[in-house]
Every structure is written in structure tokens, then in C-alpha cells.
Amino acid sequence: MAIIKSNVVKAEKKAGGKGTITIEKVLGENELGCNEMFAKVTIPPGCSIGYHEHHGNTETYHILQGQALYNDNGKEMTLSAGTTTYCPDGEGHGIENCATEGDLVFMALITTTIQ
């Protein structure tokens, strides 16, 4: 069993979003298999990942903490801890920390679409 040191990246205005977010990649390239990314994402209040579409891959979010405004192909909804979202190949989404206090924290998994 390998112990993998996570790789922390700060991203500004991710996908046209607001502010700076933190992406902690918990698996390295050698461990991902058919996945492109498995990461813990932290979004401070007022910050976001802008709306973006997925082509050739899918993305799943699992909310660990906080409250989010989630854009699912133009339909907005509020999410909280314990909620899981799935954005299939060819569709789009975005997410924002809509709280005035506290970080939004979630796990993100991007998987390559198998044809």
C-alpha cells in the first residue's frame, strides 16, 4: 500500500469563476487509472468555479462541508453536506460558495469517458 503525498494547487478564477480556490489532488498520475483527477476542493465564501462543460469526461462532486449554489446545465439549486452531484459527458455545471461564513469543501472526481 502506498502513502501518497497530496499536491495542493491554488487556482484563480477557475473556469471563469470568482476568487481563488484550493485544489488538493489526493491521487497522483500513477494512481488515477481511468480517472483524470481525484481531489479535495475548498472554496471560500464568495468564490466559485465557473460554469463549464465536460467533453470526453464526467465529473462528480461530493459535498463534505458548507453550502453551495450549484448550476446544473443552467438550473440552479442549493446543496449542503452529504449531497453528491454528477455531470455527464456533454453537459455542464458550476459551483459557488453561497455562504457568508465558512468554506465550501467537496471531493471532485473527473473520469475519462470510455467509448
N, C-alpha and C. Protein backbone atom coordinates (compact mmCIF):
# COMPACT_ATOMS: atom_id res chain seq x y z
N MET A 1 0.84 -1.17 0.00
CA MET A 1 0.00 0.00 0.00
C MET A 1 0.89 1.24 0.00
N ALA A 2 0.56 2.17 -0.85
CA ALA A 2 1.35 3.39 -0.95
C ALA A 2 0.70 4.53 -0.17
N ILE A 3 1.53 5.33 0.43
CA ILE A 3 1.08 6.57 1.05
C ILE A 3 1.44 7.67 0.06
N ILE A 4 0.44 8.39 -0.40
CA ILE A 4 0.66 9.40 -1.44
C ILE A 4 0.55 10.78 -0.82
N LYS A 5 1.56 11.59 -1.04
CA LYS A 5 1.53 12.97 -0.57
C LYS A 5 0.68 13.79 -1.53
N SER A 6 -0.30 14.50 -1.01
CA SER A 6 -1.18 15.27 -1.87
C SER A 6 -0.46 16.49 -2.45
N ASN A 7 -0.96 16.92 -3.60
CA ASN A 7 -0.41 18.06 -4.33
C ASN A 7 -1.43 19.20 -4.24
N VAL A 8 -1.08 20.29 -3.55
CA VAL A 8 -2.01 21.40 -3.35
C VAL A 8 -1.75 22.49 -4.38
N VAL A 9 -2.83 22.90 -5.05
CA VAL A 9 -2.75 23.92 -6.10
C VAL A 9 -3.76 25.02 -5.80
N LYS A 10 -3.35 26.26 -5.93
CA LYS A 10 -4.27 27.40 -5.84
C LYS A 10 -4.68 27.75 -7.26
N ALA A 11 -5.97 27.95 -7.48
CA ALA A 11 -6.48 28.29 -8.81
C ALA A 11 -7.30 29.57 -8.72
N GLU A 12 -6.95 30.53 -9.54
CA GLU A 12 -7.66 31.81 -9.57
C GLU A 12 -8.65 31.82 -10.72
N LYS A 13 -9.88 32.26 -10.41
CA LYS A 13 -10.94 32.39 -11.41
C LYS A 13 -11.09 31.12 -12.24
N LYS A 14 -11.15 29.97 -11.55
CA LYS A 14 -11.24 28.66 -12.20
C LYS A 14 -12.48 28.59 -13.10
N ALA A 15 -12.28 28.26 -14.35
CA ALA A 15 -13.35 28.15 -15.36
C ALA A 15 -14.17 29.44 -15.44
N GLY A 16 -13.51 30.57 -15.22
CA GLY A 16 -14.20 31.86 -15.27
C GLY A 16 -14.93 32.22 -14.00
N GLY A 17 -14.66 31.46 -12.93
CA GLY A 17 -15.32 31.72 -11.65
C GLY A 17 -14.73 32.91 -10.93
N LYS A 18 -15.13 33.07 -9.66
CA LYS A 18 -14.71 34.21 -8.85
C LYS A 18 -13.70 33.78 -7.79
N GLY A 19 -12.70 34.62 -7.57
CA GLY A 19 -11.77 34.42 -6.48
C GLY A 19 -10.79 33.28 -6.67
N THR A 20 -10.17 32.89 -5.55
CA THR A 20 -9.15 31.84 -5.54
C THR A 20 -9.66 30.64 -4.76
N ILE A 21 -9.48 29.46 -5.33
CA ILE A 21 -9.87 28.22 -4.68
C ILE A 21 -8.63 27.36 -4.46
N THR A 22 -8.77 26.34 -3.61
CA THR A 22 -7.67 25.41 -3.35
C THR A 22 -8.08 24.02 -3.83
N ILE A 23 -7.21 23.41 -4.63
CA ILE A 23 -7.44 22.05 -5.12
C ILE A 23 -6.32 21.18 -4.57
N GLU A 24 -6.69 20.20 -3.74
CA GLU A 24 -5.73 19.28 -3.15
C GLU A 24 -5.88 17.93 -3.84
N LYS A 25 -5.00 17.67 -4.79
CA LYS A 25 -5.05 16.41 -5.55
C LYS A 25 -4.56 15.28 -4.66
N VAL A 26 -5.47 14.35 -4.35
CA VAL A 26 -5.13 13.30 -3.39
C VAL A 26 -4.58 12.03 -4.03
N LEU A 27 -4.68 11.91 -5.35
CA LEU A 27 -4.04 10.83 -6.08
C LEU A 27 -3.12 11.41 -7.13
N GLY A 28 -1.98 10.77 -7.31
CA GLY A 28 -1.04 11.19 -8.34
C GLY A 28 -1.38 10.55 -9.68
N GLU A 29 -0.68 10.96 -10.69
CA GLU A 29 -0.89 10.47 -12.05
C GLU A 29 -0.82 8.94 -12.14
N ASN A 30 0.10 8.33 -11.41
CA ASN A 30 0.29 6.87 -11.45
C ASN A 30 -0.84 6.10 -10.79
N GLU A 31 -1.60 6.74 -9.91
CA GLU A 31 -2.65 6.06 -9.17
C GLU A 31 -4.05 6.29 -9.75
N LEU A 32 -4.20 7.18 -10.69
CA LEU A 32 -5.53 7.58 -11.16
C LEU A 32 -6.24 6.57 -12.06
N GLY A 33 -5.52 5.71 -12.76
CA GLY A 33 -6.17 4.77 -13.66
C GLY A 33 -6.92 5.50 -14.76
N CYS A 34 -8.23 5.21 -14.89
CA CYS A 34 -9.02 5.87 -15.94
C CYS A 34 -9.58 7.21 -15.47
N ASN A 35 -9.14 7.67 -14.32
CA ASN A 35 -9.58 8.96 -13.80
C ASN A 35 -8.56 10.04 -14.14
N GLU A 36 -9.05 11.26 -14.32
CA GLU A 36 -8.17 12.39 -14.62
C GLU A 36 -7.80 13.17 -13.37
N MET A 37 -8.71 13.14 -12.36
CA MET A 37 -8.44 13.88 -11.13
C MET A 37 -9.31 13.34 -10.01
N PHE A 38 -8.72 13.22 -8.83
CA PHE A 38 -9.45 12.96 -7.60
C PHE A 38 -8.89 13.94 -6.59
N ALA A 39 -9.73 14.89 -6.13
CA ALA A 39 -9.20 15.98 -5.32
C ALA A 39 -10.21 16.46 -4.29
N LYS A 40 -9.67 17.05 -3.22
CA LYS A 40 -10.49 17.78 -2.26
C LYS A 40 -10.41 19.25 -2.67
N VAL A 41 -11.56 19.87 -2.86
CA VAL A 41 -11.63 21.26 -3.32
C VAL A 41 -12.19 22.12 -2.19
N THR A 42 -11.54 23.25 -1.94
CA THR A 42 -12.00 24.20 -0.92
C THR A 42 -12.28 25.54 -1.59
N ILE A 43 -13.51 26.03 -1.40
CA ILE A 43 -13.92 27.30 -1.99
C ILE A 43 -14.35 28.24 -0.86
N PRO A 44 -13.64 29.35 -0.67
CA PRO A 44 -14.01 30.32 0.36
C PRO A 44 -15.33 31.03 0.01
N PRO A 45 -15.96 31.68 0.99
CA PRO A 45 -17.20 32.43 0.72
C PRO A 45 -17.00 33.44 -0.42
N GLY A 46 -18.00 33.51 -1.30
CA GLY A 46 -17.97 34.46 -2.41
C GLY A 46 -17.15 34.00 -3.61
N CYS A 47 -16.52 32.85 -3.51
CA CYS A 47 -15.70 32.34 -4.61
C CYS A 47 -16.43 31.20 -5.32
N SER A 48 -15.95 30.86 -6.52
CA SER A 48 -16.66 29.85 -7.30
C SER A 48 -15.78 29.20 -8.36
N ILE A 49 -16.30 28.10 -8.90
CA ILE A 49 -15.81 27.51 -10.14
C ILE A 49 -16.89 27.84 -11.16
N GLY A 50 -16.52 28.54 -12.22
CA GLY A 50 -17.49 28.98 -13.20
C GLY A 50 -18.12 27.84 -13.97
N TYR A 51 -19.22 28.13 -14.62
CA TYR A 51 -19.92 27.14 -15.44
C TYR A 51 -18.99 26.67 -16.56
N HIS A 52 -18.92 25.36 -16.72
CA HIS A 52 -18.08 24.77 -17.77
C HIS A 52 -18.70 23.45 -18.21
N GLU A 53 -18.41 23.05 -19.43
CA GLU A 53 -18.93 21.80 -19.97
C GLU A 53 -17.85 20.73 -19.97
N HIS A 54 -18.31 19.48 -19.91
CA HIS A 54 -17.40 18.34 -19.95
C HIS A 54 -17.53 17.63 -21.29
N HIS A 55 -16.40 17.41 -21.94
CA HIS A 55 -16.35 16.71 -23.22
C HIS A 55 -15.26 15.64 -23.12
N GLY A 56 -15.67 14.39 -23.21
CA GLY A 56 -14.72 13.29 -23.09
C GLY A 56 -14.49 12.84 -21.66
N ASN A 57 -15.21 13.46 -20.71
CA ASN A 57 -15.10 13.05 -19.32
C ASN A 57 -16.36 13.41 -18.55
N THR A 58 -16.45 12.91 -17.33
CA THR A 58 -17.55 13.23 -16.42
C THR A 58 -16.96 13.78 -15.13
N GLU A 59 -17.80 14.46 -14.34
CA GLU A 59 -17.30 14.96 -13.05
C GLU A 59 -18.36 14.76 -11.97
N THR A 60 -17.90 14.26 -10.83
CA THR A 60 -18.74 14.05 -9.66
C THR A 60 -18.21 14.91 -8.53
N TYR A 61 -19.13 15.59 -7.82
CA TYR A 61 -18.80 16.33 -6.60
C TYR A 61 -19.52 15.64 -5.44
N HIS A 62 -18.84 15.52 -4.31
CA HIS A 62 -19.49 15.08 -3.07
C HIS A 62 -19.20 16.14 -2.02
N ILE A 63 -20.25 16.83 -1.58
CA ILE A 63 -20.11 17.95 -0.64
C ILE A 63 -19.83 17.41 0.76
N LEU A 64 -18.71 17.88 1.34
CA LEU A 64 -18.31 17.49 2.70
C LEU A 64 -18.73 18.51 3.74
N GLN A 65 -18.67 19.80 3.37
CA GLN A 65 -18.95 20.86 4.34
C GLN A 65 -19.36 22.12 3.60
N GLY A 66 -20.25 22.88 4.23
CA GLY A 66 -20.66 24.17 3.69
C GLY A 66 -21.92 24.09 2.86
N GLN A 67 -22.22 25.22 2.24
CA GLN A 67 -23.41 25.33 1.41
C GLN A 67 -23.02 25.87 0.04
N ALA A 68 -23.59 25.28 -1.01
CA ALA A 68 -23.21 25.64 -2.37
C ALA A 68 -24.42 26.03 -3.20
N LEU A 69 -24.19 26.93 -4.13
CA LEU A 69 -25.14 27.21 -5.19
C LEU A 69 -24.58 26.47 -6.39
N TYR A 70 -25.31 25.46 -6.85
CA TYR A 70 -24.85 24.58 -7.92
C TYR A 70 -25.64 24.88 -9.19
N ASN A 71 -24.93 25.05 -10.30
CA ASN A 71 -25.54 25.29 -11.60
C ASN A 71 -25.46 23.99 -12.39
N ASP A 72 -26.62 23.37 -12.62
CA ASP A 72 -26.71 22.11 -13.35
C ASP A 72 -27.34 22.40 -14.71
N ASN A 73 -26.51 22.66 -15.73
CA ASN A 73 -26.99 22.96 -17.08
C ASN A 73 -27.97 24.14 -17.10
N GLY A 74 -27.67 25.17 -16.28
CA GLY A 74 -28.49 26.37 -16.24
C GLY A 74 -29.54 26.37 -15.15
N LYS A 75 -29.78 25.24 -14.51
CA LYS A 75 -30.73 25.17 -13.40
C LYS A 75 -29.96 25.26 -12.09
N GLU A 76 -30.27 26.28 -11.29
CA GLU A 76 -29.55 26.48 -10.04
C GLU A 76 -30.27 25.84 -8.87
N MET A 77 -29.48 25.26 -7.95
CA MET A 77 -30.03 24.65 -6.75
C MET A 77 -29.04 24.80 -5.61
N THR A 78 -29.53 24.76 -4.39
CA THR A 78 -28.68 24.86 -3.20
C THR A 78 -28.34 23.46 -2.72
N LEU A 79 -27.07 23.24 -2.42
CA LEU A 79 -26.59 21.94 -1.95
C LEU A 79 -25.94 22.11 -0.57
N SER A 80 -25.97 21.04 0.21
CA SER A 80 -25.30 21.04 1.51
C SER A 80 -24.56 19.73 1.70
N ALA A 81 -23.90 19.59 2.85
CA ALA A 81 -23.09 18.41 3.14
C ALA A 81 -23.89 17.12 2.96
N GLY A 82 -23.25 16.14 2.32
CA GLY A 82 -23.87 14.86 2.08
C GLY A 82 -24.45 14.71 0.68
N THR A 83 -24.54 15.81 -0.06
CA THR A 83 -25.10 15.78 -1.41
C THR A 83 -24.01 15.40 -2.41
N THR A 84 -24.38 14.58 -3.39
CA THR A 84 -23.48 14.20 -4.48
C THR A 84 -24.09 14.63 -5.80
N THR A 85 -23.27 15.23 -6.66
CA THR A 85 -23.72 15.63 -8.00
C THR A 85 -22.94 14.83 -9.04
N TYR A 86 -23.52 14.72 -10.22
CA TYR A 86 -22.87 14.02 -11.33
C TYR A 86 -23.12 14.81 -12.60
N CYS A 87 -22.04 15.19 -13.28
CA CYS A 87 -22.13 15.93 -14.54
C CYS A 87 -21.63 14.99 -15.65
N PRO A 88 -22.55 14.47 -16.49
CA PRO A 88 -22.14 13.54 -17.54
C PRO A 88 -21.42 14.22 -18.70
N ASP A 89 -20.77 13.42 -19.49
CA ASP A 89 -20.11 13.87 -20.72
C ASP A 89 -21.11 14.64 -21.59
N GLY A 90 -20.72 15.82 -22.04
CA GLY A 90 -21.56 16.65 -22.90
C GLY A 90 -22.45 17.63 -22.16
N GLU A 91 -22.44 17.60 -20.84
CA GLU A 91 -23.25 18.54 -20.05
C GLU A 91 -22.32 19.47 -19.27
N GLY A 92 -22.93 20.46 -18.58
CA GLY A 92 -22.12 21.45 -17.88
C GLY A 92 -22.61 21.73 -16.47
N HIS A 93 -21.72 22.35 -15.70
CA HIS A 93 -22.05 22.70 -14.32
C HIS A 93 -21.09 23.77 -13.81
N GLY A 94 -21.44 24.36 -12.68
CA GLY A 94 -20.60 25.31 -11.96
C GLY A 94 -21.01 25.26 -10.50
N ILE A 95 -20.16 25.79 -9.61
CA ILE A 95 -20.46 25.73 -8.18
C ILE A 95 -19.89 26.96 -7.49
N GLU A 96 -20.65 27.48 -6.52
CA GLU A 96 -20.24 28.68 -5.79
C GLU A 96 -20.51 28.50 -4.31
N ASN A 97 -19.61 29.03 -3.48
CA ASN A 97 -19.85 29.06 -2.04
C ASN A 97 -20.79 30.23 -1.78
N CYS A 98 -22.04 29.92 -1.47
CA CYS A 98 -23.05 30.96 -1.30
C CYS A 98 -23.20 31.39 0.16
N ALA A 99 -22.39 30.84 1.06
CA ALA A 99 -22.45 31.20 2.47
C ALA A 99 -21.66 32.49 2.72
N THR A 100 -22.00 33.18 3.78
CA THR A 100 -21.26 34.38 4.16
C THR A 100 -20.07 34.04 5.05
N GLU A 101 -20.12 32.86 5.68
CA GLU A 101 -19.02 32.39 6.53
C GLU A 101 -18.75 30.92 6.25
N GLY A 102 -17.53 30.52 6.39
CA GLY A 102 -17.15 29.11 6.27
C GLY A 102 -16.89 28.67 4.85
N ASP A 103 -15.93 27.78 4.72
CA ASP A 103 -15.54 27.25 3.41
C ASP A 103 -16.53 26.21 2.92
N LEU A 104 -16.64 26.11 1.62
CA LEU A 104 -17.31 25.00 0.95
C LEU A 104 -16.22 23.99 0.63
N VAL A 105 -16.38 22.74 1.07
CA VAL A 105 -15.37 21.70 0.85
C VAL A 105 -16.06 20.50 0.22
N PHE A 106 -15.48 19.99 -0.86
CA PHE A 106 -16.04 18.81 -1.51
C PHE A 106 -14.96 18.01 -2.19
N MET A 107 -15.28 16.74 -2.44
CA MET A 107 -14.41 15.86 -3.21
C MET A 107 -14.86 15.95 -4.66
N ALA A 108 -13.90 16.00 -5.58
CA ALA A 108 -14.18 16.05 -7.02
C ALA A 108 -13.47 14.90 -7.71
N LEU A 109 -14.22 14.20 -8.55
CA LEU A 109 -13.68 13.08 -9.31
C LEU A 109 -13.99 13.30 -10.78
N ILE A 110 -12.94 13.41 -11.60
CA ILE A 110 -13.11 13.52 -13.06
C ILE A 110 -12.66 12.20 -13.65
N THR A 111 -13.57 11.58 -14.42
CA THR A 111 -13.32 10.27 -15.02
C THR A 111 -13.42 10.36 -16.54
N THR A 112 -12.46 9.81 -17.24
CA THR A 112 -12.48 9.77 -18.69
C THR A 112 -13.64 8.90 -19.16
N THR A 113 -14.38 9.40 -20.14
CA THR A 113 -15.49 8.63 -20.71
C THR A 113 -14.91 7.51 -21.58
N ILE A 114 -15.38 6.31 -21.33
CA ILE A 114 -14.93 5.15 -22.10
C ILE A 114 -15.90 4.93 -23.24
N GLN A 115 -15.39 4.96 -24.46
CA GLN A 115 -16.23 4.81 -25.66
C GLN A 115 -16.40 3.37 -26.02
